[in-house]
Amino acid sequence: MTPVRFGTDGWRGVIAAEVTFERVALVAAAAAQVLMEVYGGDREPVVAVGFDRRFLSEKFAQRAAAAIAEQGIGVRLADRYAPTPALSWAATQGVGALV
Protein backbone atom coordinates (compact mmCIF):
# COMPACT_ATOMS: atom_id res chain seq x y z
CA MET A 1 0.00 0.00 0.00
CA THR A 2 1.38 3.38 -0.98
CA PRO A 3 1.49 6.08 1.70
CA VAL A 4 -1.14 8.81 1.74
CA ARG A 5 0.42 11.87 0.08
CA PHE A 6 -0.74 15.36 1.00
CA GLY A 7 0.01 18.32 -1.26
CA THR A 8 -0.68 22.01 -0.84
CA ASP A 9 -4.37 21.45 -1.61
CA GLY A 10 -4.88 18.22 0.28
CA TRP A 11 -4.67 14.51 -0.42
CA ARG A 12 -3.21 13.56 -3.79
CA GLY A 13 -3.86 10.15 -5.28
CA VAL A 14 -5.47 8.00 -7.93
CA ILE A 15 -9.09 7.06 -7.19
CA ALA A 16 -9.52 3.33 -6.50
CA ALA A 17 -5.75 2.81 -6.31
CA GLU A 18 -4.60 5.27 -3.65
CA VAL A 19 -7.88 6.96 -2.71
CA THR A 20 -10.23 4.22 -1.54
CA PHE A 21 -13.21 4.11 0.79
CA GLU A 22 -11.11 2.28 3.38
CA ARG A 23 -8.36 4.90 3.27
CA VAL A 24 -10.87 7.77 3.36
CA ALA A 25 -12.32 6.26 6.53
CA LEU A 26 -8.86 5.88 8.10
CA VAL A 27 -7.84 9.48 7.32
CA ALA A 28 -11.19 10.86 8.51
CA ALA A 29 -11.04 8.86 11.75
CA ALA A 30 -7.48 10.04 12.39
CA ALA A 31 -8.49 13.66 11.79
CA ALA A 32 -11.43 13.20 14.15
CA GLN A 33 -9.18 11.82 16.87
CA VAL A 34 -6.84 14.80 16.58
CA LEU A 35 -9.78 17.21 16.72
CA MET A 36 -11.05 15.50 19.87
CA GLU A 37 -7.61 15.75 21.49
CA VAL A 38 -7.28 19.44 20.63
CA TYR A 39 -10.86 20.70 21.00
CA GLY A 40 -12.85 17.94 22.69
CA GLY A 41 -12.91 19.51 26.15
CA ASP A 42 -13.64 23.05 24.99
CA ARG A 43 -16.97 22.50 23.27
CA GLU A 44 -19.09 19.88 21.59
CA PRO A 45 -17.10 19.17 18.44
CA VAL A 46 -18.81 19.32 15.05
CA VAL A 47 -17.19 18.74 11.67
CA ALA A 48 -18.61 19.92 8.36
CA VAL A 49 -18.06 17.44 5.52
CA GLY A 50 -18.51 18.53 1.93
CA PHE A 51 -17.86 17.27 -1.55
CA ASP A 52 -17.33 18.64 -5.02
CA ARG A 53 -18.05 17.42 -8.54
CA ARG A 54 -15.20 14.95 -8.80
CA PHE A 55 -15.93 11.27 -9.41
CA LEU A 56 -17.26 9.52 -6.27
CA SER A 57 -16.75 12.67 -4.19
CA GLU A 58 -20.20 12.45 -2.60
CA LYS A 59 -19.73 8.77 -1.71
CA PHE A 60 -16.29 9.48 -0.23
CA ALA A 61 -17.81 12.32 1.82
CA GLN A 62 -20.51 9.99 3.13
CA ARG A 63 -17.87 7.45 4.20
CA ALA A 64 -15.75 10.17 5.84
CA ALA A 65 -18.81 11.48 7.70
CA ALA A 66 -19.58 8.00 9.00
CA ALA A 67 -15.99 7.50 10.19
CA ILE A 68 -16.04 10.85 11.99
CA ALA A 69 -19.39 10.08 13.64
CA GLU A 70 -17.98 6.73 14.81
CA GLN A 71 -15.41 8.75 16.80
CA GLY A 72 -18.20 10.50 18.70
CA ILE A 73 -18.04 13.78 16.81
CA GLY A 74 -21.09 15.52 15.39
CA VAL A 75 -21.14 15.73 11.60
CA ARG A 76 -22.88 18.11 9.22
CA LEU A 77 -22.78 16.49 5.77
CA ALA A 78 -23.46 18.79 2.82
CA ASP A 79 -26.58 17.90 0.85
CA ARG A 80 -25.16 19.27 -2.42
CA TYR A 81 -21.86 20.28 -3.96
CA ALA A 82 -20.04 22.60 -1.57
CA PRO A 83 -17.36 25.07 -2.63
CA THR A 84 -14.23 24.91 -0.49
CA PRO A 85 -14.69 28.49 0.84
CA ALA A 86 -18.09 27.47 2.25
CA LEU A 87 -16.45 24.63 4.18
CA SER A 88 -13.70 26.99 5.35
CA TRP A 89 -16.39 29.24 6.80
CA ALA A 90 -18.18 26.25 8.32
CA ALA A 91 -14.94 25.27 10.06
CA THR A 92 -14.95 28.60 11.87
CA GLN A 93 -18.42 27.79 13.20
CA GLY A 94 -17.55 24.32 14.49
CA VAL A 95 -14.29 22.53 14.94
CA GLY A 96 -13.25 21.41 11.49
CA ALA A 97 -14.18 20.68 7.93
CA LEU A 98 -13.29 18.11 5.30
CA VAL A 99 -13.85 18.27 1.55
PDB file of N, CA and C in Angstrom:
ATOM      1  N   MET A   1       0.853  -1.176   0.000  1.00  0.00           N
ATOM      2  CA  MET A   1       0.000   0.000   0.000  1.00  0.00           C
ATOM      3  C   MET A   1       0.898   1.239   0.000  1.00  0.00           C
ATOM      4  N   THR A   2       0.611   2.143  -0.917  1.00  0.00           N
ATOM      5  CA  THR A   2       1.384   3.384  -0.980  1.00  0.00           C
ATOM      6  C   THR A   2       0.953   4.321   0.145  1.00  0.00           C
ATOM      7  N   PRO A   3       1.868   5.144   0.634  1.00  0.00           N
ATOM      8  CA  PRO A   3       1.489   6.078   1.700  1.00  0.00           C
ATOM      9  C   PRO A   3       0.536   7.154   1.178  1.00  0.00           C
ATOM     10  N   VAL A   4      -0.261   7.689   2.080  1.00  0.00           N
ATOM     11  CA  VAL A   4      -1.141   8.808   1.744  1.00  0.00           C
ATOM     12  C   VAL A   4      -0.241  10.024   1.549  1.00  0.00           C
ATOM     13  N   ARG A   5      -0.398  10.699   0.405  1.00  0.00           N
ATOM     14  CA  ARG A   5       0.421  11.869   0.084  1.00  0.00           C
ATOM     15  C   ARG A   5      -0.451  13.118   0.134  1.00  0.00           C
ATOM     16  N   PHE A   6      -0.027  14.085   0.918  1.00  0.00           N
ATOM     17  CA  PHE A   6      -0.736  15.356   1.001  1.00  0.00           C
ATOM     18  C   PHE A   6       0.073  16.422   0.278  1.00  0.00           C
ATOM     19  N   GLY A   7      -0.608  17.190  -0.572  1.00  0.00           N
ATOM     20  CA  GLY A   7       0.010  18.317  -1.260  1.00  0.00           C
ATOM     21  C   GLY A   7      -0.505  19.612  -0.661  1.00  0.00           C
ATOM     22  N   THR A   8      -0.260  20.706  -1.351  1.00  0.00           N
ATOM     23  CA  THR A   8      -0.684  22.007  -0.839  1.00  0.00           C
ATOM     24  C   THR A   8      -2.196  22.151  -0.786  1.00  0.00           C
ATOM     25  N   ASP A   9      -2.905  21.392  -1.597  1.00  0.00           N
ATOM     26  CA  ASP A   9      -4.371  21.454  -1.611  1.00  0.00           C
ATOM     27  C   ASP A   9      -5.018  20.192  -1.067  1.00  0.00           C
ATOM     28  N   GLY A  10      -4.270  19.393  -0.329  1.00  0.00           N
ATOM     29  CA  GLY A  10      -4.876  18.216   0.277  1.00  0.00           C
ATOM     30  C   GLY A  10      -4.296  16.909  -0.228  1.00  0.00           C
ATOM     31  N   TRP A  11      -5.075  15.868  -0.092  1.00  0.00           N
ATOM     32  CA  TRP A  11      -4.666  14.512  -0.419  1.00  0.00           C
ATOM     33  C   TRP A  11      -4.549  14.361  -1.924  1.00  0.00           C
ATOM     34  N   ARG A  12      -3.438  13.814  -2.367  1.00  0.00           N
ATOM     35  CA  ARG A  12      -3.207  13.555  -3.785  1.00  0.00           C
ATOM     36  C   ARG A  12      -3.180  12.052  -4.005  1.00  0.00           C
ATOM     37  N   GLY A  13      -3.903  11.566  -4.997  1.00  0.00           N
ATOM     38  CA  GLY A  13      -3.861  10.148  -5.282  1.00  0.00           C
ATOM     39  C   GLY A  13      -4.821   9.758  -6.384  1.00  0.00           C
ATOM     40  N   VAL A  14      -4.630   8.553  -6.877  1.00  0.00           N
ATOM     41  CA  VAL A  14      -5.469   7.996  -7.930  1.00  0.00           C
ATOM     42  C   VAL A  14      -6.665   7.306  -7.281  1.00  0.00           C
ATOM     43  N   ILE A  15      -7.864   7.669  -7.737  1.00  0.00           N
ATOM     44  CA  ILE A  15      -9.085   7.061  -7.191  1.00  0.00           C
ATOM     45  C   ILE A  15      -9.070   5.568  -7.476  1.00  0.00           C
ATOM     46  N   ALA A  16      -9.428   4.792  -6.478  1.00  0.00           N
ATOM     47  CA  ALA A  16      -9.521   3.331  -6.497  1.00  0.00           C
ATOM     48  C   ALA A  16      -8.163   2.650  -6.342  1.00  0.00           C
ATOM     49  N   ALA A  17      -7.070   3.382  -6.549  1.00  0.00           N
ATOM     50  CA  ALA A  17      -5.752   2.811  -6.313  1.00  0.00           C
ATOM     51  C   ALA A  17      -5.188   3.329  -4.995  1.00  0.00           C
ATOM     52  N   GLU A  18      -5.128   4.646  -4.864  1.00  0.00           N
ATOM     53  CA  GLU A  18      -4.600   5.267  -3.649  1.00  0.00           C
ATOM     54  C   GLU A  18      -5.704   5.879  -2.791  1.00  0.00           C
ATOM     55  N   VAL A  19      -6.736   6.375  -3.424  1.00  0.00           N
ATOM     56  CA  VAL A  19      -7.875   6.955  -2.706  1.00  0.00           C
ATOM     57  C   VAL A  19      -9.005   5.933  -2.755  1.00  0.00           C
ATOM     58  N   THR A  20      -9.199   5.258  -1.634  1.00  0.00           N
ATOM     59  CA  THR A  20     -10.230   4.221  -1.540  1.00  0.00           C
ATOM     60  C   THR A  20     -11.155   4.548  -0.368  1.00  0.00           C
ATOM     61  N   PHE A  21     -12.288   3.878  -0.324  1.00  0.00           N
ATOM     62  CA  PHE A  21     -13.215   4.110   0.787  1.00  0.00           C
ATOM     63  C   PHE A  21     -12.570   3.753   2.120  1.00  0.00           C
ATOM     64  N   GLU A  22     -11.788   2.679   2.146  1.00  0.00           N
ATOM     65  CA  GLU A  22     -11.113   2.276   3.383  1.00  0.00           C
ATOM     66  C   GLU A  22     -10.127   3.354   3.844  1.00  0.00           C
ATOM     67  N   ARG A  23      -9.351   3.885   2.907  1.00  0.00           N
ATOM     68  CA  ARG A  23      -8.363   4.899   3.271  1.00  0.00           C
ATOM     69  C   ARG A  23      -9.025   6.220   3.652  1.00  0.00           C
ATOM     70  N   VAL A  24     -10.125   6.568   2.982  1.00  0.00           N
ATOM     71  CA  VAL A  24     -10.870   7.774   3.359  1.00  0.00           C
ATOM     72  C   VAL A  24     -11.334   7.646   4.804  1.00  0.00           C
ATOM     73  N   ALA A  25     -11.847   6.476   5.161  1.00  0.00           N
ATOM     74  CA  ALA A  25     -12.321   6.256   6.530  1.00  0.00           C
ATOM     75  C   ALA A  25     -11.171   6.365   7.531  1.00  0.00           C
ATOM     76  N   LEU A  26     -10.012   5.816   7.201  1.00  0.00           N
ATOM     77  CA  LEU A  26      -8.858   5.885   8.104  1.00  0.00           C
ATOM     78  C   LEU A  26      -8.382   7.322   8.307  1.00  0.00           C
ATOM     79  N   VAL A  27      -8.290   8.084   7.220  1.00  0.00           N
ATOM     80  CA  VAL A  27      -7.843   9.476   7.318  1.00  0.00           C
ATOM     81  C   VAL A  27      -8.861  10.305   8.098  1.00  0.00           C
ATOM     82  N   ALA A  28     -10.146  10.105   7.810  1.00  0.00           N
ATOM     83  CA  ALA A  28     -11.193  10.864   8.511  1.00  0.00           C
ATOM     84  C   ALA A  28     -11.207  10.531  10.001  1.00  0.00           C
ATOM     85  N   ALA A  29     -11.059   9.251  10.339  1.00  0.00           N
ATOM     86  CA  ALA A  29     -11.042   8.857  11.751  1.00  0.00           C
ATOM     87  C   ALA A  29      -9.829   9.447  12.462  1.00  0.00           C
ATOM     88  N   ALA A  30      -8.686   9.452  11.793  1.00  0.00           N
ATOM     89  CA  ALA A  30      -7.483  10.038  12.393  1.00  0.00           C
ATOM     90  C   ALA A  30      -7.665  11.535  12.616  1.00  0.00           C
ATOM     91  N   ALA A  31      -8.231  12.220  11.633  1.00  0.00           N
ATOM     92  CA  ALA A  31      -8.490  13.656  11.786  1.00  0.00           C
ATOM     93  C   ALA A  31      -9.451  13.898  12.942  1.00  0.00           C
ATOM     94  N   ALA A  32     -10.459  13.060  13.063  1.00  0.00           N
ATOM     95  CA  ALA A  32     -11.434  13.200  14.149  1.00  0.00           C
ATOM     96  C   ALA A  32     -10.769  13.014  15.507  1.00  0.00           C
ATOM     97  N   GLN A  33      -9.869  12.053  15.606  1.00  0.00           N
ATOM     98  CA  GLN A  33      -9.178  11.818  16.873  1.00  0.00           C
ATOM     99  C   GLN A  33      -8.325  13.023  17.268  1.00  0.00           C
ATOM    100  N   VAL A  34      -7.643  13.613  16.297  1.00  0.00           N
ATOM    101  CA  VAL A  34      -6.837  14.804  16.582  1.00  0.00           C
ATOM    102  C   VAL A  34      -7.740  15.954  17.024  1.00  0.00           C
ATOM    103  N   LEU A  35      -8.854  16.143  16.334  1.00  0.00           N
ATOM    104  CA  LEU A  35      -9.781  17.209  16.718  1.00  0.00           C
ATOM    105  C   LEU A  35     -10.295  17.013  18.136  1.00  0.00           C
ATOM    106  N   MET A  36     -10.582  15.780  18.513  1.00  0.00           N
ATOM    107  CA  MET A  36     -11.053  15.501  19.875  1.00  0.00           C
ATOM    108  C   MET A  36      -9.966  15.824  20.891  1.00  0.00           C
ATOM    109  N   GLU A  37      -8.716  15.468  20.574  1.00  0.00           N
ATOM    110  CA  GLU A  37      -7.615  15.754  21.489  1.00  0.00           C
ATOM    111  C   GLU A  37      -7.417  17.258  21.669  1.00  0.00           C
ATOM    112  N   VAL A  38      -7.545  18.001  20.590  1.00  0.00           N
ATOM    113  CA  VAL A  38      -7.280  19.437  20.633  1.00  0.00           C
ATOM    114  C   VAL A  38      -8.473  20.225  21.157  1.00  0.00           C
ATOM    115  N   TYR A  39      -9.687  19.882  20.697  1.00  0.00           N
ATOM    116  CA  TYR A  39     -10.864  20.699  21.005  1.00  0.00           C
ATOM    117  C   TYR A  39     -11.931  19.999  21.835  1.00  0.00           C
ATOM    118  N   GLY A  40     -11.793  18.717  22.064  1.00  0.00           N
ATOM    119  CA  GLY A  40     -12.855  17.942  22.694  1.00  0.00           C
ATOM    120  C   GLY A  40     -13.348  18.467  24.022  1.00  0.00           C
ATOM    121  N   GLY A  41     -12.480  19.023  24.847  1.00  0.00           N
ATOM    122  CA  GLY A  41     -12.906  19.510  26.147  1.00  0.00           C
ATOM    123  C   GLY A  41     -13.480  20.911  26.133  1.00  0.00           C
ATOM    124  N   ASP A  42     -13.219  21.656  25.059  1.00  0.00           N
ATOM    125  CA  ASP A  42     -13.643  23.054  24.993  1.00  0.00           C
ATOM    126  C   ASP A  42     -15.110  23.221  24.627  1.00  0.00           C
ATOM    127  N   ARG A  43     -15.593  22.383  23.754  1.00  0.00           N
ATOM    128  CA  ARG A  43     -16.969  22.505  23.267  1.00  0.00           C
ATOM    129  C   ARG A  43     -17.359  21.202  22.593  1.00  0.00           C
ATOM    130  N   GLU A  44     -18.629  21.071  22.301  1.00  0.00           N
ATOM    131  CA  GLU A  44     -19.090  19.882  21.587  1.00  0.00           C
ATOM    132  C   GLU A  44     -18.585  19.957  20.152  1.00  0.00           C
ATOM    133  N   PRO A  45     -17.681  19.065  19.766  1.00  0.00           N
ATOM    134  CA  PRO A  45     -17.098  19.166  18.436  1.00  0.00           C
ATOM    135  C   PRO A  45     -18.088  18.804  17.325  1.00  0.00           C
ATOM    136  N   VAL A  46     -18.013  19.563  16.248  1.00  0.00           N
ATOM    137  CA  VAL A  46     -18.812  19.316  15.050  1.00  0.00           C
ATOM    138  C   VAL A  46     -17.907  19.533  13.845  1.00  0.00           C
ATOM    139  N   VAL A  47     -17.982  18.634  12.886  1.00  0.00           N
ATOM    140  CA  VAL A  47     -17.192  18.744  11.666  1.00  0.00           C
ATOM    141  C   VAL A  47     -18.130  18.837  10.475  1.00  0.00           C
ATOM    142  N   ALA A  48     -17.874  19.799   9.615  1.00  0.00           N
ATOM    143  CA  ALA A  48     -18.610  19.916   8.357  1.00  0.00           C
ATOM    144  C   ALA A  48     -17.885  19.074   7.309  1.00  0.00           C
ATOM    145  N   VAL A  49     -18.636  18.275   6.577  1.00  0.00           N
ATOM    146  CA  VAL A  49     -18.063  17.441   5.520  1.00  0.00           C
ATOM    147  C   VAL A  49     -18.752  17.804   4.217  1.00  0.00           C
ATOM    148  N   GLY A  50     -17.963  18.145   3.228  1.00  0.00           N
ATOM    149  CA  GLY A  50     -18.515  18.525   1.935  1.00  0.00           C
ATOM    150  C   GLY A  50     -17.901  17.708   0.815  1.00  0.00           C
ATOM    151  N   PHE A  51     -18.371  17.971  -0.373  1.00  0.00           N
ATOM    152  CA  PHE A  51     -17.864  17.273  -1.551  1.00  0.00           C
ATOM    153  C   PHE A  51     -17.998  18.189  -2.749  1.00  0.00           C
ATOM    154  N   ASP A  52     -17.271  17.838  -3.803  1.00  0.00           N
ATOM    155  CA  ASP A  52     -17.328  18.636  -5.021  1.00  0.00           C
ATOM    156  C   ASP A  52     -17.813  17.756  -6.168  1.00  0.00           C
ATOM    157  N   ARG A  53     -17.518  18.131  -7.382  1.00  0.00           N
ATOM    158  CA  ARG A  53     -18.052  17.423  -8.544  1.00  0.00           C
ATOM    159  C   ARG A  53     -17.152  16.301  -9.052  1.00  0.00           C
ATOM    160  N   ARG A  54     -16.080  16.030  -8.350  1.00  0.00           N
ATOM    161  CA  ARG A  54     -15.203  14.949  -8.799  1.00  0.00           C
ATOM    162  C   ARG A  54     -15.869  13.584  -8.626  1.00  0.00           C
ATOM    163  N   PHE A  55     -15.396  12.623  -9.404  1.00  0.00           N
ATOM    164  CA  PHE A  55     -15.925  11.266  -9.410  1.00  0.00           C
ATOM    165  C   PHE A  55     -15.914  10.678  -8.003  1.00  0.00           C
ATOM    166  N   LEU A  56     -17.045  10.172  -7.566  1.00  0.00           N
ATOM    167  CA  LEU A  56     -17.255   9.521  -6.267  1.00  0.00           C
ATOM    168  C   LEU A  56     -17.090  10.453  -5.063  1.00  0.00           C
ATOM    169  N   SER A  57     -16.964  11.735  -5.294  1.00  0.00           N
ATOM    170  CA  SER A  57     -16.748  12.667  -4.186  1.00  0.00           C
ATOM    171  C   SER A  57     -17.850  12.579  -3.134  1.00  0.00           C
ATOM    172  N   GLU A  58     -19.099  12.518  -3.571  1.00  0.00           N
ATOM    173  CA  GLU A  58     -20.203  12.450  -2.603  1.00  0.00           C
ATOM    174  C   GLU A  58     -20.137  11.169  -1.783  1.00  0.00           C
ATOM    175  N   LYS A  59     -19.825  10.048  -2.423  1.00  0.00           N
ATOM    176  CA  LYS A  59     -19.729   8.765  -1.708  1.00  0.00           C
ATOM    177  C   LYS A  59     -18.552   8.777  -0.731  1.00  0.00           C
ATOM    178  N   PHE A  60     -17.433   9.361  -1.144  1.00  0.00           N
ATOM    179  CA  PHE A  60     -16.294   9.477  -0.231  1.00  0.00           C
ATOM    180  C   PHE A  60     -16.655  10.356   0.966  1.00  0.00           C
ATOM    181  N   ALA A  61     -17.393  11.430   0.725  1.00  0.00           N
ATOM    182  CA  ALA A  61     -17.815  12.315   1.819  1.00  0.00           C
ATOM    183  C   ALA A  61     -18.724  11.574   2.788  1.00  0.00           C
ATOM    184  N   GLN A  62     -19.620  10.763   2.264  1.00  0.00           N
ATOM    185  CA  GLN A  62     -20.511   9.989   3.133  1.00  0.00           C
ATOM    186  C   GLN A  62     -19.710   9.027   4.002  1.00  0.00           C
ATOM    187  N   ARG A  63     -18.694   8.391   3.427  1.00  0.00           N
ATOM    188  CA  ARG A  63     -17.866   7.451   4.204  1.00  0.00           C
ATOM    189  C   ARG A  63     -17.046   8.201   5.250  1.00  0.00           C
ATOM    190  N   ALA A  64     -16.511   9.357   4.878  1.00  0.00           N
ATOM    191  CA  ALA A  64     -15.755  10.166   5.838  1.00  0.00           C
ATOM    192  C   ALA A  64     -16.652  10.610   6.983  1.00  0.00           C
ATOM    193  N   ALA A  65     -17.862  11.043   6.662  1.00  0.00           N
ATOM    194  CA  ALA A  65     -18.807  11.484   7.698  1.00  0.00           C
ATOM    195  C   ALA A  65     -19.116  10.351   8.663  1.00  0.00           C
ATOM    196  N   ALA A  66     -19.301   9.156   8.140  1.00  0.00           N
ATOM    197  CA  ALA A  66     -19.584   8.002   9.001  1.00  0.00           C
ATOM    198  C   ALA A  66     -18.396   7.708   9.917  1.00  0.00           C
ATOM    199  N   ALA A  67     -17.188   7.776   9.380  1.00  0.00           N
ATOM    200  CA  ALA A  67     -15.993   7.504  10.189  1.00  0.00           C
ATOM    201  C   ALA A  67     -15.819   8.543  11.291  1.00  0.00           C
ATOM    202  N   ILE A  68     -16.136   9.792  10.984  1.00  0.00           N
ATOM    203  CA  ILE A  68     -16.045  10.854  11.990  1.00  0.00           C
ATOM    204  C   ILE A  68     -17.090  10.640  13.077  1.00  0.00           C
ATOM    205  N   ALA A  69     -18.306  10.321  12.675  1.00  0.00           N
ATOM    206  CA  ALA A  69     -19.385  10.076  13.641  1.00  0.00           C
ATOM    207  C   ALA A  69     -19.050   8.902  14.549  1.00  0.00           C
ATOM    208  N   GLU A  70     -18.375   7.891  14.010  1.00  0.00           N
ATOM    209  CA  GLU A  70     -17.980   6.728  14.812  1.00  0.00           C
ATOM    210  C   GLU A  70     -17.004   7.115  15.918  1.00  0.00           C
ATOM    211  N   GLN A  71     -16.339   8.256  15.776  1.00  0.00           N
ATOM    212  CA  GLN A  71     -15.407   8.747  16.797  1.00  0.00           C
ATOM    213  C   GLN A  71     -16.111   9.611  17.839  1.00  0.00           C
ATOM    214  N   GLY A  72     -17.433   9.740  17.721  1.00  0.00           N
ATOM    215  CA  GLY A  72     -18.196  10.505  18.701  1.00  0.00           C
ATOM    216  C   GLY A  72     -18.272  11.992  18.421  1.00  0.00           C
ATOM    217  N   ILE A  73     -18.001  12.371  17.198  1.00  0.00           N
ATOM    218  CA  ILE A  73     -18.040  13.782  16.812  1.00  0.00           C
ATOM    219  C   ILE A  73     -19.276  14.029  15.961  1.00  0.00           C
ATOM    220  N   GLY A  74     -19.941  15.147  16.207  1.00  0.00           N
ATOM    221  CA  GLY A  74     -21.085  15.522  15.388  1.00  0.00           C
ATOM    222  C   GLY A  74     -20.641  15.849  13.971  1.00  0.00           C
ATOM    223  N   VAL A  75     -21.475  15.518  13.007  1.00  0.00           N
ATOM    224  CA  VAL A  75     -21.144  15.734  11.599  1.00  0.00           C
ATOM    225  C   VAL A  75     -22.278  16.476  10.919  1.00  0.00           C
ATOM    226  N   ARG A  76     -21.922  17.433  10.092  1.00  0.00           N
ATOM    227  CA  ARG A  76     -22.875  18.113   9.218  1.00  0.00           C
ATOM    228  C   ARG A  76     -22.427  17.824   7.792  1.00  0.00           C
ATOM    229  N   LEU A  77     -23.114  16.895   7.130  1.00  0.00           N
ATOM    230  CA  LEU A  77     -22.778  16.490   5.768  1.00  0.00           C
ATOM    231  C   LEU A  77     -23.542  17.356   4.778  1.00  0.00           C
ATOM    232  N   ALA A  78     -22.827  17.950   3.839  1.00  0.00           N
ATOM    233  CA  ALA A  78     -23.463  18.792   2.824  1.00  0.00           C
ATOM    234  C   ALA A  78     -24.472  17.971   2.023  1.00  0.00           C
ATOM    235  N   ASP A  79     -25.561  18.602   1.641  1.00  0.00           N
ATOM    236  CA  ASP A  79     -26.577  17.901   0.855  1.00  0.00           C
ATOM    237  C   ASP A  79     -26.456  18.196  -0.638  1.00  0.00           C
ATOM    238  N   ARG A  80     -25.439  18.977  -1.006  1.00  0.00           N
ATOM    239  CA  ARG A  80     -25.161  19.275  -2.420  1.00  0.00           C
ATOM    240  C   ARG A  80     -23.694  19.674  -2.531  1.00  0.00           C
ATOM    241  N   TYR A  81     -23.236  19.864  -3.757  1.00  0.00           N
ATOM    242  CA  TYR A  81     -21.855  20.277  -3.958  1.00  0.00           C
ATOM    243  C   TYR A  81     -21.549  21.505  -3.117  1.00  0.00           C
ATOM    244  N   ALA A  82     -20.400  21.496  -2.464  1.00  0.00           N
ATOM    245  CA  ALA A  82     -20.036  22.598  -1.569  1.00  0.00           C
ATOM    246  C   ALA A  82     -18.693  23.183  -1.993  1.00  0.00           C
ATOM    247  N   PRO A  83     -18.649  24.462  -2.303  1.00  0.00           N
ATOM    248  CA  PRO A  83     -17.360  25.073  -2.629  1.00  0.00           C
ATOM    249  C   PRO A  83     -16.460  25.100  -1.388  1.00  0.00           C
ATOM    250  N   THR A  84     -15.181  24.944  -1.600  1.00  0.00           N
ATOM    251  CA  THR A  84     -14.234  24.913  -0.489  1.00  0.00           C
ATOM    252  C   THR A  84     -14.354  26.124   0.434  1.00  0.00           C
ATOM    253  N   PRO A  85     -14.538  27.353  -0.081  1.00  0.00           N
ATOM    254  CA  PRO A  85     -14.688  28.488   0.839  1.00  0.00           C
ATOM    255  C   PRO A  85     -15.877  28.335   1.797  1.00  0.00           C
ATOM    256  N   ALA A  86     -16.939  27.684   1.354  1.00  0.00           N
ATOM    257  CA  ALA A  86     -18.085  27.468   2.245  1.00  0.00           C
ATOM    258  C   ALA A  86     -17.700  26.547   3.396  1.00  0.00           C
ATOM    259  N   LEU A  87     -16.895  25.536   3.114  1.00  0.00           N
ATOM    260  CA  LEU A  87     -16.448  24.634   4.176  1.00  0.00           C
ATOM    261  C   LEU A  87     -15.438  25.325   5.079  1.00  0.00           C
ATOM    262  N   SER A  88     -14.626  26.211   4.520  1.00  0.00           N
ATOM    263  CA  SER A  88     -13.699  26.988   5.353  1.00  0.00           C
ATOM    264  C   SER A  88     -14.477  27.830   6.352  1.00  0.00           C
ATOM    265  N   TRP A  89     -15.547  28.457   5.896  1.00  0.00           N
ATOM    266  CA  TRP A  89     -16.392  29.242   6.797  1.00  0.00           C
ATOM    267  C   TRP A  89     -17.038  28.327   7.836  1.00  0.00           C
ATOM    268  N   ALA A  90     -17.534  27.179   7.392  1.00  0.00           N
ATOM    269  CA  ALA A  90     -18.177  26.246   8.320  1.00  0.00           C
ATOM    270  C   ALA A  90     -17.208  25.813   9.416  1.00  0.00           C
ATOM    271  N   ALA A  91     -15.940  25.668   9.064  1.00  0.00           N
ATOM    272  CA  ALA A  91     -14.944  25.269  10.065  1.00  0.00           C
ATOM    273  C   ALA A  91     -14.827  26.302  11.172  1.00  0.00           C
ATOM    274  N   THR A  92     -15.028  27.563  10.838  1.00  0.00           N
ATOM    275  CA  THR A  92     -14.953  28.599  11.871  1.00  0.00           C
ATOM    276  C   THR A  92     -16.148  28.544  12.810  1.00  0.00           C
ATOM    277  N   GLN A  93     -17.215  27.892  12.394  1.00  0.00           N
ATOM    278  CA  GLN A  93     -18.422  27.791  13.204  1.00  0.00           C
ATOM    279  C   GLN A  93     -18.445  26.523  14.063  1.00  0.00           C
ATOM    280  N   GLY A  94     -17.598  25.582  13.747  1.00  0.00           N
ATOM    281  CA  GLY A  94     -17.550  24.322  14.487  1.00  0.00           C
ATOM    282  C   GLY A  94     -16.138  24.054  14.943  1.00  0.00           C
ATOM    283  N   VAL A  95     -15.642  22.911  14.583  1.00  0.00           N
ATOM    284  CA  VAL A  95     -14.285  22.534  14.944  1.00  0.00           C
ATOM    285  C   VAL A  95     -13.443  22.309  13.705  1.00  0.00           C
ATOM    286  N   GLY A  96     -14.029  21.731  12.679  1.00  0.00           N
ATOM    287  CA  GLY A  96     -13.249  21.413  11.495  1.00  0.00           C
ATOM    288  C   GLY A  96     -14.126  21.194  10.289  1.00  0.00           C
ATOM    289  N   ALA A  97     -13.469  20.950   9.174  1.00  0.00           N
ATOM    290  CA  ALA A  97     -14.181  20.678   7.933  1.00  0.00           C
ATOM    291  C   ALA A  97     -13.314  19.801   7.047  1.00  0.00           C
ATOM    292  N   LEU A  98     -13.961  18.953   6.286  1.00  0.00           N
ATOM    293  CA  LEU A  98     -13.290  18.106   5.300  1.00  0.00           C
ATOM    294  C   LEU A  98     -14.025  18.231   3.982  1.00  0.00           C
ATOM    295  N   VAL A  99     -13.265  18.262   2.894  1.00  0.00           N
ATOM    296  CA  VAL A  99     -13.851  18.271   1.550  1.00  0.00           C
ATOM    297  C   VAL A  99     -13.281  17.084   0.817  1.00  0.00           C
TER     298      VAL A  99
END
